[in-house]
């Protein structure tokens, strides 16, 4: 019973976290910069915790995983203003590694795939984010958020196998991959539809704020 309630709590947190990224990733960056870095820094800490515990459940595994997620969130939220000249490169590294790690889960996860896909994602986004900032932030936050929403719902309702992204490619669970793409596209469309309004609002209310 304790494990059920723990999974329920973690699932709800993942859904809320994912929806925030999926629907408002770009807006959060422009409006509340430390929160945006905290959201992606928390993702890196979360993946580190999952890797260290082997995805183990129970109080110890969850405590370590979420402790590292909180530490990562606080660390990168603090760094948001300390590394101002490299802000967009840091954003690309954070988002690219997080998204790459989420893709790694589809291919079995583990330290090897996480390092490979996370590293590739970090390099690609570190290069592209400064060049195509708004579109890359939207892509990264939409698909990262969509993955967290799926993982959260699956923790609460584990019978929904079409939401199980774990080794989906290896298991032939292509419905999970399609679901992820569709949810990410929904977040992508929503953010693109609001892009101009969000940027204009922030520039109007805080014209001197560096972005």
N, C-alpha and C. Protein backbone atom coordinates (compact mmCIF):
# COMPACT_ATOMS: atom_id res chain seq x y z
N UNK A 1 0.83 -1.22 0.00
CA UNK A 1 0.00 0.00 0.00
C UNK A 1 0.86 1.26 0.00
N UNK A 2 1.96 1.23 0.82
CA UNK A 2 2.86 2.38 0.86
C UNK A 2 3.46 2.64 -0.51
N UNK A 3 3.84 1.55 -1.20
CA UNK A 3 4.43 1.70 -2.53
C UNK A 3 3.43 2.28 -3.51
N UNK A 4 2.15 1.91 -3.35
CA UNK A 4 1.10 2.44 -4.23
C UNK A 4 0.99 3.95 -4.08
N UNK A 5 0.94 4.40 -2.83
CA UNK A 5 0.80 5.84 -2.60
C UNK A 5 2.07 6.59 -3.03
N UNK A 6 3.23 5.96 -2.86
CA UNK A 6 4.46 6.59 -3.32
C UNK A 6 4.45 6.76 -4.82
N UNK A 7 4.06 5.71 -5.54
CA UNK A 7 3.96 5.80 -7.00
C UNK A 7 2.94 6.85 -7.43
N UNK A 8 1.84 6.91 -6.69
CA UNK A 8 0.81 7.91 -7.00
C UNK A 8 1.36 9.32 -6.85
N UNK A 9 2.08 9.57 -5.76
CA UNK A 9 2.65 10.89 -5.51
C UNK A 9 3.67 11.27 -6.57
N UNK A 10 4.60 10.33 -6.86
CA UNK A 10 5.63 10.59 -7.86
C UNK A 10 4.99 10.80 -9.23
N UNK A 11 3.98 9.98 -9.55
CA UNK A 11 3.29 10.12 -10.83
C UNK A 11 2.66 11.50 -10.99
N UNK A 12 2.02 11.98 -9.94
CA UNK A 12 1.39 13.31 -9.98
C UNK A 12 2.44 14.40 -10.16
N UNK A 13 3.57 14.26 -9.45
CA UNK A 13 4.64 15.25 -9.58
C UNK A 13 5.21 15.27 -11.00
N UNK A 14 5.40 14.07 -11.58
CA UNK A 14 5.92 14.00 -12.94
C UNK A 14 4.95 14.61 -13.94
N UNK A 15 3.66 14.36 -13.76
CA UNK A 15 2.65 14.92 -14.67
C UNK A 15 2.66 16.45 -14.59
N UNK A 16 2.66 16.97 -13.36
CA UNK A 16 2.67 18.43 -13.21
C UNK A 16 3.93 19.05 -13.79
N UNK A 17 5.06 18.42 -13.52
CA UNK A 17 6.35 18.86 -14.04
C UNK A 17 6.34 18.83 -15.57
N UNK A 18 5.85 17.72 -16.12
CA UNK A 18 5.81 17.57 -17.58
C UNK A 18 4.89 18.56 -18.25
N UNK A 19 3.71 18.77 -17.67
CA UNK A 19 2.77 19.72 -18.26
C UNK A 19 3.34 21.14 -18.25
N UNK A 20 4.05 21.48 -17.16
CA UNK A 20 4.67 22.80 -17.10
C UNK A 20 5.67 23.02 -18.22
N UNK A 21 6.50 22.00 -18.48
CA UNK A 21 7.47 22.11 -19.57
C UNK A 21 6.80 22.07 -20.93
N UNK A 22 5.88 21.14 -21.09
CA UNK A 22 5.23 20.91 -22.38
C UNK A 22 4.42 22.11 -22.86
N UNK A 23 3.73 22.75 -21.93
CA UNK A 23 2.82 23.84 -22.31
C UNK A 23 3.44 25.23 -22.18
N UNK A 24 4.41 25.40 -21.25
CA UNK A 24 4.90 26.75 -20.97
C UNK A 24 6.42 26.84 -20.91
N UNK A 25 7.12 25.91 -21.59
CA UNK A 25 8.58 25.91 -21.52
C UNK A 25 9.21 27.23 -21.92
N UNK A 26 8.82 27.77 -23.06
CA UNK A 26 9.42 29.02 -23.53
C UNK A 26 9.00 30.20 -22.66
N UNK A 27 7.73 30.24 -22.27
CA UNK A 27 7.24 31.34 -21.45
C UNK A 27 7.97 31.38 -20.12
N UNK A 28 8.20 30.20 -19.51
CA UNK A 28 8.91 30.16 -18.23
C UNK A 28 10.33 30.70 -18.40
N UNK A 29 10.97 30.38 -19.53
CA UNK A 29 12.33 30.89 -19.75
C UNK A 29 12.33 32.41 -19.77
N UNK A 30 11.43 33.00 -20.50
CA UNK A 30 11.40 34.45 -20.62
C UNK A 30 10.92 35.14 -19.35
N UNK A 31 9.96 34.52 -18.65
CA UNK A 31 9.33 35.19 -17.52
C UNK A 31 10.02 34.90 -16.19
N UNK A 32 10.42 33.66 -15.95
CA UNK A 32 11.00 33.28 -14.66
C UNK A 32 12.23 32.42 -14.92
N UNK A 33 13.32 33.04 -15.29
CA UNK A 33 14.51 32.32 -15.76
C UNK A 33 15.03 31.27 -14.79
N UNK A 34 15.20 31.58 -13.50
CA UNK A 34 15.73 30.54 -12.59
C UNK A 34 14.83 29.31 -12.51
N UNK A 35 13.52 29.50 -12.62
CA UNK A 35 12.60 28.36 -12.58
C UNK A 35 12.84 27.45 -13.77
N UNK A 36 13.06 28.05 -14.96
CA UNK A 36 13.30 27.25 -16.16
C UNK A 36 14.56 26.40 -15.99
N UNK A 37 15.65 27.03 -15.52
CA UNK A 37 16.87 26.27 -15.31
C UNK A 37 16.68 25.21 -14.23
N UNK A 38 15.90 25.54 -13.22
CA UNK A 38 15.61 24.57 -12.17
C UNK A 38 14.86 23.36 -12.70
N UNK A 39 13.94 23.57 -13.63
CA UNK A 39 13.16 22.47 -14.19
C UNK A 39 14.05 21.50 -14.96
N UNK A 40 14.98 22.03 -15.74
CA UNK A 40 15.87 21.15 -16.51
C UNK A 40 17.04 20.65 -15.66
N UNK A 41 17.50 21.46 -14.72
CA UNK A 41 18.52 20.96 -13.79
C UNK A 41 17.99 19.83 -12.94
N UNK A 42 16.72 19.93 -12.57
CA UNK A 42 16.08 18.85 -11.84
C UNK A 42 15.99 17.58 -12.65
N UNK A 43 15.75 17.72 -13.95
CA UNK A 43 15.72 16.55 -14.83
C UNK A 43 17.07 15.83 -14.84
N UNK A 44 18.15 16.58 -14.92
CA UNK A 44 19.47 15.97 -14.93
C UNK A 44 19.74 15.25 -13.62
N UNK A 45 19.38 15.88 -12.50
CA UNK A 45 19.54 15.23 -11.21
C UNK A 45 18.67 13.99 -11.08
N UNK A 46 17.48 14.06 -11.62
CA UNK A 46 16.55 12.93 -11.58
C UNK A 46 17.13 11.73 -12.34
N UNK A 47 17.65 11.98 -13.54
CA UNK A 47 18.23 10.89 -14.34
C UNK A 47 19.45 10.31 -13.66
N UNK A 48 20.25 11.16 -13.02
CA UNK A 48 21.42 10.68 -12.30
C UNK A 48 20.99 9.76 -11.16
N UNK A 49 19.94 10.14 -10.46
CA UNK A 49 19.44 9.32 -9.37
C UNK A 49 18.89 7.99 -9.86
N UNK A 50 18.15 8.01 -10.96
CA UNK A 50 17.62 6.77 -11.53
C UNK A 50 18.76 5.85 -11.95
N UNK A 51 19.80 6.42 -12.53
CA UNK A 51 20.95 5.60 -12.95
C UNK A 51 21.67 5.01 -11.74
N UNK A 52 21.86 5.80 -10.69
CA UNK A 52 22.58 5.32 -9.51
C UNK A 52 21.81 4.23 -8.78
N UNK A 53 20.49 4.31 -8.79
CA UNK A 53 19.68 3.32 -8.08
C UNK A 53 19.21 2.19 -8.98
N UNK A 54 19.52 2.27 -10.27
CA UNK A 54 19.04 1.26 -11.20
C UNK A 54 17.53 1.30 -11.37
N UNK A 55 16.93 2.46 -11.11
CA UNK A 55 15.48 2.58 -11.23
C UNK A 55 14.74 1.93 -10.09
N UNK A 56 15.44 1.65 -8.98
CA UNK A 56 14.81 0.96 -7.85
C UNK A 56 13.74 1.82 -7.20
N UNK A 57 12.65 1.18 -6.80
CA UNK A 57 11.61 1.88 -6.07
C UNK A 57 11.87 1.73 -4.58
N UNK A 58 10.93 2.15 -3.76
CA UNK A 58 11.14 2.09 -2.32
C UNK A 58 11.62 3.44 -1.81
N UNK A 59 11.63 3.58 -0.50
CA UNK A 59 11.94 4.87 0.09
C UNK A 59 13.36 5.32 -0.21
N UNK A 60 14.34 4.41 -0.11
CA UNK A 60 15.73 4.83 -0.34
C UNK A 60 15.94 5.28 -1.77
N UNK A 61 15.50 4.44 -2.73
CA UNK A 61 15.68 4.79 -4.14
C UNK A 61 15.00 6.09 -4.49
N UNK A 62 13.78 6.26 -4.04
CA UNK A 62 13.04 7.49 -4.34
C UNK A 62 13.65 8.70 -3.64
N UNK A 63 14.11 8.49 -2.40
CA UNK A 63 14.72 9.61 -1.66
C UNK A 63 15.98 10.10 -2.35
N UNK A 64 16.83 9.15 -2.79
CA UNK A 64 18.07 9.54 -3.47
C UNK A 64 17.76 10.21 -4.80
N UNK A 65 16.86 9.62 -5.58
CA UNK A 65 16.53 10.16 -6.90
C UNK A 65 15.97 11.57 -6.79
N UNK A 66 15.00 11.76 -5.91
CA UNK A 66 14.38 13.09 -5.80
C UNK A 66 15.27 14.07 -5.05
N UNK A 67 16.14 13.56 -4.18
CA UNK A 67 17.11 14.44 -3.53
C UNK A 67 18.08 15.03 -4.55
N UNK A 68 18.55 14.19 -5.48
CA UNK A 68 19.43 14.68 -6.54
C UNK A 68 18.69 15.60 -7.51
N UNK A 69 17.42 15.30 -7.76
CA UNK A 69 16.62 16.17 -8.64
C UNK A 69 16.49 17.56 -8.02
N UNK A 70 16.21 17.63 -6.74
CA UNK A 70 16.08 18.92 -6.06
C UNK A 70 17.42 19.65 -6.03
N UNK A 71 18.50 18.89 -5.76
CA UNK A 71 19.83 19.51 -5.75
C UNK A 71 20.18 20.07 -7.12
N UNK A 72 19.87 19.31 -8.18
CA UNK A 72 20.13 19.79 -9.54
C UNK A 72 19.31 21.03 -9.86
N UNK A 73 18.06 21.04 -9.41
CA UNK A 73 17.20 22.19 -9.66
C UNK A 73 17.75 23.44 -8.98
N UNK A 74 18.16 23.31 -7.73
CA UNK A 74 18.68 24.46 -6.99
C UNK A 74 20.01 24.93 -7.58
N UNK A 75 20.86 23.98 -7.96
CA UNK A 75 22.17 24.34 -8.51
C UNK A 75 22.03 25.15 -9.79
N UNK A 76 21.21 24.66 -10.72
CA UNK A 76 21.12 25.34 -12.01
C UNK A 76 20.26 26.60 -11.93
N UNK A 77 19.32 26.64 -10.98
CA UNK A 77 18.58 27.89 -10.78
C UNK A 77 19.53 28.98 -10.30
N UNK A 78 20.48 28.63 -9.44
CA UNK A 78 21.48 29.59 -8.96
C UNK A 78 22.40 30.02 -10.10
N UNK A 79 22.75 29.05 -10.97
CA UNK A 79 23.66 29.33 -12.07
C UNK A 79 23.02 30.17 -13.17
N UNK A 80 21.70 30.30 -13.16
CA UNK A 80 21.01 31.03 -14.22
C UNK A 80 21.55 32.43 -14.40
N UNK A 81 21.88 33.11 -13.30
CA UNK A 81 22.38 34.47 -13.39
C UNK A 81 23.89 34.54 -13.22
N UNK A 82 24.50 33.49 -12.67
CA UNK A 82 25.94 33.52 -12.46
C UNK A 82 26.72 33.32 -13.76
N UNK A 83 26.12 32.63 -14.74
CA UNK A 83 26.79 32.35 -16.01
C UNK A 83 26.10 33.08 -17.15
N UNK A 84 25.80 34.33 -16.95
CA UNK A 84 25.02 35.09 -17.93
C UNK A 84 25.62 35.11 -19.34
N UNK A 85 26.94 35.27 -19.52
CA UNK A 85 27.44 35.30 -20.91
C UNK A 85 27.23 33.99 -21.67
N UNK A 86 27.09 32.89 -20.91
CA UNK A 86 26.95 31.58 -21.54
C UNK A 86 25.55 31.01 -21.34
N UNK A 87 24.60 31.89 -21.08
CA UNK A 87 23.26 31.44 -20.68
C UNK A 87 22.61 30.55 -21.73
N UNK A 88 22.69 30.94 -22.96
CA UNK A 88 21.98 30.16 -23.99
C UNK A 88 22.69 28.85 -24.31
N UNK A 89 24.02 28.85 -24.22
CA UNK A 89 24.75 27.61 -24.41
C UNK A 89 24.42 26.64 -23.28
N UNK A 90 24.39 27.15 -22.04
CA UNK A 90 24.03 26.32 -20.90
C UNK A 90 22.62 25.78 -21.06
N UNK A 91 21.72 26.61 -21.55
CA UNK A 91 20.35 26.15 -21.78
C UNK A 91 20.32 25.01 -22.78
N UNK A 92 21.12 25.13 -23.84
CA UNK A 92 21.18 24.07 -24.83
C UNK A 92 21.73 22.78 -24.26
N UNK A 93 22.80 22.89 -23.46
CA UNK A 93 23.39 21.69 -22.86
C UNK A 93 22.39 21.00 -21.94
N UNK A 94 21.75 21.77 -21.08
CA UNK A 94 20.78 21.21 -20.15
C UNK A 94 19.63 20.51 -20.88
N UNK A 95 19.05 21.22 -21.82
CA UNK A 95 17.89 20.70 -22.51
C UNK A 95 18.27 19.53 -23.42
N UNK A 96 19.41 19.64 -24.10
CA UNK A 96 19.83 18.57 -24.99
C UNK A 96 20.14 17.29 -24.24
N UNK A 97 20.81 17.39 -23.10
CA UNK A 97 21.11 16.20 -22.31
C UNK A 97 19.83 15.57 -21.76
N UNK A 98 18.93 16.42 -21.28
CA UNK A 98 17.68 15.90 -20.73
C UNK A 98 16.86 15.19 -21.79
N UNK A 99 16.72 15.80 -22.95
CA UNK A 99 15.94 15.19 -24.02
C UNK A 99 16.64 13.92 -24.53
N UNK A 100 17.96 13.97 -24.66
CA UNK A 100 18.69 12.78 -25.08
C UNK A 100 18.52 11.63 -24.10
N UNK A 101 18.50 11.94 -22.81
CA UNK A 101 18.31 10.91 -21.79
C UNK A 101 16.92 10.29 -21.88
N UNK A 102 15.94 11.11 -22.21
CA UNK A 102 14.58 10.61 -22.37
C UNK A 102 14.49 9.69 -23.60
N UNK A 103 15.20 10.04 -24.65
CA UNK A 103 15.25 9.18 -25.83
C UNK A 103 15.95 7.87 -25.49
N UNK A 104 16.99 7.93 -24.64
CA UNK A 104 17.73 6.73 -24.27
C UNK A 104 16.83 5.70 -23.61
N UNK A 105 15.83 6.16 -22.87
CA UNK A 105 14.90 5.23 -22.21
C UNK A 105 14.20 4.36 -23.24
N UNK A 106 13.87 4.93 -24.39
CA UNK A 106 13.18 4.20 -25.44
C UNK A 106 14.04 3.05 -25.96
N UNK A 107 15.37 3.19 -25.85
CA UNK A 107 16.28 2.15 -26.34
C UNK A 107 16.89 1.32 -25.21
N UNK A 108 16.24 1.32 -24.07
CA UNK A 108 16.67 0.46 -22.99
C UNK A 108 17.26 1.17 -21.80
N UNK A 109 17.59 2.44 -21.94
CA UNK A 109 18.14 3.20 -20.82
C UNK A 109 19.51 2.68 -20.40
N UNK A 110 19.80 2.81 -19.12
CA UNK A 110 21.11 2.38 -18.61
C UNK A 110 22.15 3.46 -18.79
N UNK A 111 23.30 3.26 -18.13
CA UNK A 111 24.34 4.27 -18.16
C UNK A 111 24.89 4.51 -19.56
N UNK A 112 25.04 3.44 -20.34
CA UNK A 112 25.64 3.57 -21.67
C UNK A 112 24.78 4.42 -22.59
N UNK A 113 23.51 4.02 -22.74
CA UNK A 113 22.63 4.75 -23.65
C UNK A 113 22.38 6.18 -23.14
N UNK A 114 22.27 6.33 -21.82
CA UNK A 114 22.05 7.67 -21.27
C UNK A 114 23.23 8.59 -21.59
N UNK A 115 24.45 8.07 -21.43
CA UNK A 115 25.64 8.88 -21.72
C UNK A 115 25.73 9.21 -23.21
N UNK A 116 25.47 8.21 -24.06
CA UNK A 116 25.58 8.42 -25.51
C UNK A 116 24.53 9.41 -26.00
N UNK A 117 23.25 9.12 -25.73
CA UNK A 117 22.18 9.97 -26.23
C UNK A 117 22.17 11.33 -25.53
N UNK A 118 22.45 11.32 -24.23
CA UNK A 118 22.51 12.60 -23.51
C UNK A 118 23.63 13.47 -24.02
N UNK A 119 24.81 12.87 -24.26
CA UNK A 119 25.94 13.64 -24.78
C UNK A 119 25.69 14.18 -26.17
N UNK A 120 25.12 13.35 -27.03
CA UNK A 120 24.81 13.80 -28.40
C UNK A 120 23.79 14.94 -28.36
N UNK A 121 22.76 14.76 -27.53
CA UNK A 121 21.74 15.81 -27.41
C UNK A 121 22.32 17.10 -26.88
N UNK A 122 23.22 17.01 -25.90
CA UNK A 122 23.83 18.21 -25.32
C UNK A 122 24.65 18.96 -26.36
N UNK A 123 25.42 18.24 -27.16
CA UNK A 123 26.25 18.88 -28.19
C UNK A 123 25.38 19.55 -29.26
N UNK A 124 24.38 18.82 -29.74
CA UNK A 124 23.51 19.35 -30.80
C UNK A 124 22.78 20.61 -30.33
N UNK A 125 22.19 20.54 -29.14
CA UNK A 125 21.42 21.68 -28.65
C UNK A 125 22.33 22.84 -28.25
N UNK A 126 23.54 22.55 -27.75
CA UNK A 126 24.47 23.63 -27.40
C UNK A 126 24.84 24.45 -28.63
N UNK A 127 24.89 23.80 -29.79
CA UNK A 127 25.21 24.49 -31.03
C UNK A 127 23.98 25.20 -31.61
N UNK A 128 22.83 24.53 -31.61
CA UNK A 128 21.65 25.04 -32.30
C UNK A 128 20.85 26.05 -31.49
N UNK A 129 20.84 25.90 -30.16
CA UNK A 129 20.02 26.81 -29.35
C UNK A 129 20.44 28.27 -29.51
N UNK A 130 21.75 28.62 -29.46
CA UNK A 130 22.10 30.03 -29.66
C UNK A 130 21.73 30.55 -31.05
N UNK A 131 21.66 29.65 -32.05
CA UNK A 131 21.36 30.07 -33.41
C UNK A 131 19.85 30.17 -33.67
N UNK A 132 19.09 29.24 -33.13
CA UNK A 132 17.64 29.18 -33.35
C UNK A 132 16.96 29.05 -32.00
N UNK A 133 17.06 30.11 -31.22
CA UNK A 133 16.74 29.99 -29.80
C UNK A 133 15.30 29.57 -29.52
N UNK A 134 14.34 30.39 -29.93
CA UNK A 134 12.94 30.11 -29.59
C UNK A 134 12.47 28.75 -30.10
N UNK A 135 12.70 28.41 -31.38
CA UNK A 135 12.23 27.10 -31.86
C UNK A 135 12.86 25.93 -31.12
N UNK A 136 14.15 26.00 -30.78
CA UNK A 136 14.80 24.89 -30.10
C UNK A 136 14.32 24.76 -28.66
N UNK A 137 14.08 25.88 -27.99
CA UNK A 137 13.54 25.83 -26.63
C UNK A 137 12.16 25.17 -26.66
N UNK A 138 11.37 25.52 -27.64
CA UNK A 138 10.02 24.95 -27.75
C UNK A 138 10.09 23.45 -28.03
N UNK A 139 10.95 23.05 -28.96
CA UNK A 139 11.07 21.61 -29.28
C UNK A 139 11.53 20.82 -28.06
N UNK A 140 12.58 21.29 -27.42
CA UNK A 140 13.13 20.57 -26.28
C UNK A 140 12.17 20.47 -25.12
N UNK A 141 11.52 21.59 -24.78
CA UNK A 141 10.61 21.57 -23.64
C UNK A 141 9.34 20.79 -23.94
N UNK A 142 8.86 20.84 -25.18
CA UNK A 142 7.62 20.13 -25.54
C UNK A 142 7.80 18.62 -25.42
N UNK A 143 8.88 18.10 -25.98
CA UNK A 143 9.06 16.65 -25.97
C UNK A 143 9.59 16.13 -24.63
N UNK A 144 10.35 16.95 -23.92
CA UNK A 144 10.75 16.56 -22.57
C UNK A 144 9.52 16.49 -21.66
N UNK A 145 8.68 17.52 -21.75
CA UNK A 145 7.46 17.54 -20.95
C UNK A 145 6.52 16.40 -21.28
N UNK A 146 6.37 16.11 -22.57
CA UNK A 146 5.48 15.02 -22.99
C UNK A 146 5.94 13.69 -22.41
N UNK A 147 7.25 13.45 -22.39
CA UNK A 147 7.78 12.20 -21.84
C UNK A 147 7.49 12.09 -20.35
N UNK A 148 7.65 13.19 -19.61
CA UNK A 148 7.37 13.16 -18.18
C UNK A 148 5.90 12.92 -17.91
N UNK A 149 5.03 13.51 -18.72
CA UNK A 149 3.58 13.28 -18.55
C UNK A 149 3.27 11.80 -18.75
N UNK A 150 3.82 11.20 -19.79
CA UNK A 150 3.59 9.78 -20.05
C UNK A 150 4.10 8.92 -18.90
N UNK A 151 5.31 9.21 -18.43
CA UNK A 151 5.89 8.42 -17.35
C UNK A 151 5.06 8.56 -16.07
N UNK A 152 4.58 9.77 -15.81
CA UNK A 152 3.77 9.99 -14.62
C UNK A 152 2.46 9.24 -14.67
N UNK A 153 1.78 9.29 -15.80
CA UNK A 153 0.50 8.57 -15.93
C UNK A 153 0.73 7.07 -15.83
N UNK A 154 1.82 6.58 -16.41
CA UNK A 154 2.10 5.15 -16.36
C UNK A 154 2.38 4.67 -14.93
N UNK A 155 2.97 5.52 -14.11
CA UNK A 155 3.21 5.15 -12.71
C UNK A 155 1.90 5.01 -11.95
N UNK A 156 0.91 5.82 -12.33
CA UNK A 156 -0.38 5.77 -11.65
C UNK A 156 -1.26 4.66 -12.21
N UNK A 157 -1.23 4.50 -13.55
CA UNK A 157 -2.05 3.49 -14.23
C UNK A 157 -1.11 2.59 -15.03
N UNK A 158 -0.41 1.63 -14.38
CA UNK A 158 0.60 0.84 -15.08
C UNK A 158 0.06 -0.08 -16.16
N UNK A 159 -1.26 -0.27 -16.23
CA UNK A 159 -1.83 -1.13 -17.26
C UNK A 159 -1.84 -0.46 -18.63
N UNK A 160 -1.64 0.85 -18.66
CA UNK A 160 -1.62 1.56 -19.94
C UNK A 160 -0.29 1.36 -20.64
N UNK A 161 -0.08 0.19 -21.25
CA UNK A 161 1.21 -0.16 -21.84
C UNK A 161 1.61 0.77 -22.97
N UNK A 162 0.63 1.41 -23.60
CA UNK A 162 0.98 2.34 -24.69
C UNK A 162 1.67 3.58 -24.15
N UNK A 163 1.73 3.73 -22.82
CA UNK A 163 2.44 4.85 -22.21
C UNK A 163 3.82 4.45 -21.70
N UNK A 164 4.14 3.17 -21.76
CA UNK A 164 5.41 2.68 -21.23
C UNK A 164 6.52 2.88 -22.26
N UNK A 165 7.36 3.90 -22.05
CA UNK A 165 8.42 4.20 -23.00
C UNK A 165 9.68 3.36 -22.77
N UNK A 166 9.74 2.64 -21.65
CA UNK A 166 10.94 1.89 -21.30
C UNK A 166 11.25 0.82 -22.34
N UNK A 167 12.38 0.97 -23.02
CA UNK A 167 12.82 0.05 -24.06
C UNK A 167 11.71 -0.20 -25.10
N UNK A 168 10.97 0.85 -25.41
CA UNK A 168 9.86 0.71 -26.36
C UNK A 168 10.34 0.23 -27.72
N UNK A 169 11.50 0.69 -28.15
CA UNK A 169 12.03 0.27 -29.45
C UNK A 169 12.37 -1.21 -29.45
N UNK A 170 13.03 -1.66 -28.38
CA UNK A 170 13.42 -3.06 -28.30
C UNK A 170 12.25 -4.00 -28.12
N UNK A 171 11.21 -3.53 -27.42
CA UNK A 171 10.04 -4.36 -27.16
C UNK A 171 9.00 -4.29 -28.28
N UNK A 172 9.26 -3.47 -29.27
CA UNK A 172 8.29 -3.32 -30.35
C UNK A 172 7.06 -2.55 -29.95
N UNK A 173 7.17 -1.77 -28.86
CA UNK A 173 6.02 -0.98 -28.38
C UNK A 173 6.03 0.37 -29.10
N UNK A 174 5.76 0.32 -30.40
CA UNK A 174 5.82 1.54 -31.20
C UNK A 174 4.68 2.50 -30.89
N UNK A 175 3.61 1.97 -30.26
CA UNK A 175 2.51 2.84 -29.88
C UNK A 175 2.96 3.86 -28.85
N UNK A 176 3.86 3.44 -27.95
CA UNK A 176 4.40 4.38 -26.95
C UNK A 176 5.20 5.48 -27.63
N UNK A 177 5.99 5.11 -28.65
CA UNK A 177 6.78 6.11 -29.37
C UNK A 177 5.88 7.08 -30.11
N UNK A 178 4.84 6.54 -30.76
CA UNK A 178 3.89 7.39 -31.49
C UNK A 178 3.16 8.32 -30.52
N UNK A 179 2.77 7.78 -29.36
CA UNK A 179 2.08 8.60 -28.36
C UNK A 179 2.97 9.75 -27.90
N UNK A 180 4.24 9.45 -27.68
CA UNK A 180 5.19 10.49 -27.28
C UNK A 180 5.31 11.57 -28.35
N UNK A 181 5.41 11.15 -29.59
CA UNK A 181 5.54 12.11 -30.69
C UNK A 181 4.29 12.99 -30.79
N UNK A 182 3.11 12.36 -30.65
CA UNK A 182 1.86 13.11 -30.76
C UNK A 182 1.74 14.11 -29.61
N UNK A 183 2.02 13.68 -28.38
CA UNK A 183 1.94 14.60 -27.24
C UNK A 183 2.95 15.74 -27.38
N UNK A 184 4.17 15.39 -27.81
CA UNK A 184 5.17 16.43 -28.03
C UNK A 184 4.74 17.42 -29.09
N UNK A 185 4.09 16.92 -30.15
CA UNK A 185 3.61 17.80 -31.22
C UNK A 185 2.50 18.72 -30.72
N UNK A 186 1.68 18.22 -29.80
CA UNK A 186 0.62 19.06 -29.22
C UNK A 186 1.25 20.21 -28.44
N UNK A 187 2.25 19.89 -27.59
CA UNK A 187 2.95 20.94 -26.86
C UNK A 187 3.66 21.91 -27.79
N UNK A 188 4.25 21.37 -28.84
CA UNK A 188 4.94 22.19 -29.84
C UNK A 188 3.98 23.18 -30.49
N UNK A 189 2.82 22.67 -30.92
CA UNK A 189 1.83 23.54 -31.56
C UNK A 189 1.31 24.61 -30.63
N UNK A 190 1.07 24.23 -29.37
CA UNK A 190 0.56 25.18 -28.39
C UNK A 190 1.56 26.30 -28.14
N UNK A 191 2.82 25.94 -27.96
CA UNK A 191 3.83 26.97 -27.68
C UNK A 191 4.08 27.86 -28.89
N UNK A 192 4.10 27.27 -30.07
CA UNK A 192 4.28 28.09 -31.28
C UNK A 192 3.12 29.06 -31.45
N UNK A 193 1.91 28.62 -31.13
CA UNK A 193 0.74 29.49 -31.26
C UNK A 193 0.81 30.67 -30.31
N UNK A 194 1.51 30.50 -29.17
CA UNK A 194 1.58 31.57 -28.18
C UNK A 194 2.92 32.29 -28.17
N UNK A 195 3.82 31.90 -29.07
CA UNK A 195 5.17 32.44 -29.07
C UNK A 195 5.20 33.96 -29.12
N UNK A 196 4.55 34.53 -30.10
CA UNK A 196 4.61 35.98 -30.29
C UNK A 196 4.02 36.71 -29.08
N UNK A 197 2.92 36.19 -28.54
CA UNK A 197 2.28 36.84 -27.39
C UNK A 197 3.18 36.81 -26.17
N UNK A 198 3.81 35.67 -25.90
CA UNK A 198 4.67 35.56 -24.73
C UNK A 198 5.86 36.48 -24.82
N UNK A 199 6.54 36.49 -25.96
CA UNK A 199 7.73 37.32 -26.13
C UNK A 199 7.37 38.79 -26.01
N UNK A 200 6.27 39.19 -26.65
CA UNK A 200 5.83 40.59 -26.60
C UNK A 200 5.48 41.00 -25.19
N UNK A 201 4.79 40.13 -24.45
CA UNK A 201 4.40 40.45 -23.08
C UNK A 201 5.61 40.66 -22.19
N UNK A 202 6.60 39.78 -22.28
CA UNK A 202 7.79 39.90 -21.45
C UNK A 202 8.59 41.14 -21.83
N UNK A 203 8.72 41.43 -23.12
CA UNK A 203 9.47 42.60 -23.55
C UNK A 203 8.78 43.89 -23.11
N UNK A 204 7.46 43.86 -23.04
CA UNK A 204 6.70 45.04 -22.63
C UNK A 204 6.80 45.28 -21.14
N UNK A 205 6.71 44.20 -20.36
CA UNK A 205 6.72 44.34 -18.90
C UNK A 205 8.11 44.48 -18.33
N UNK A 206 9.12 43.93 -19.04
CA UNK A 206 10.50 44.01 -18.52
C UNK A 206 11.45 44.26 -19.69
N UNK A 207 11.37 45.46 -20.30
CA UNK A 207 12.16 45.72 -21.51
C UNK A 207 13.66 45.68 -21.31
N UNK A 208 14.13 45.90 -20.09
CA UNK A 208 15.57 45.93 -19.86
C UNK A 208 16.13 44.57 -19.47
N UNK A 209 15.27 43.57 -19.36
CA UNK A 209 15.71 42.25 -18.91
C UNK A 209 16.48 41.54 -20.01
N UNK A 210 17.73 41.10 -19.77
CA UNK A 210 18.49 40.41 -20.81
C UNK A 210 17.97 39.00 -20.99
N UNK A 211 17.79 38.55 -22.24
CA UNK A 211 17.38 37.19 -22.53
C UNK A 211 18.34 36.53 -23.48
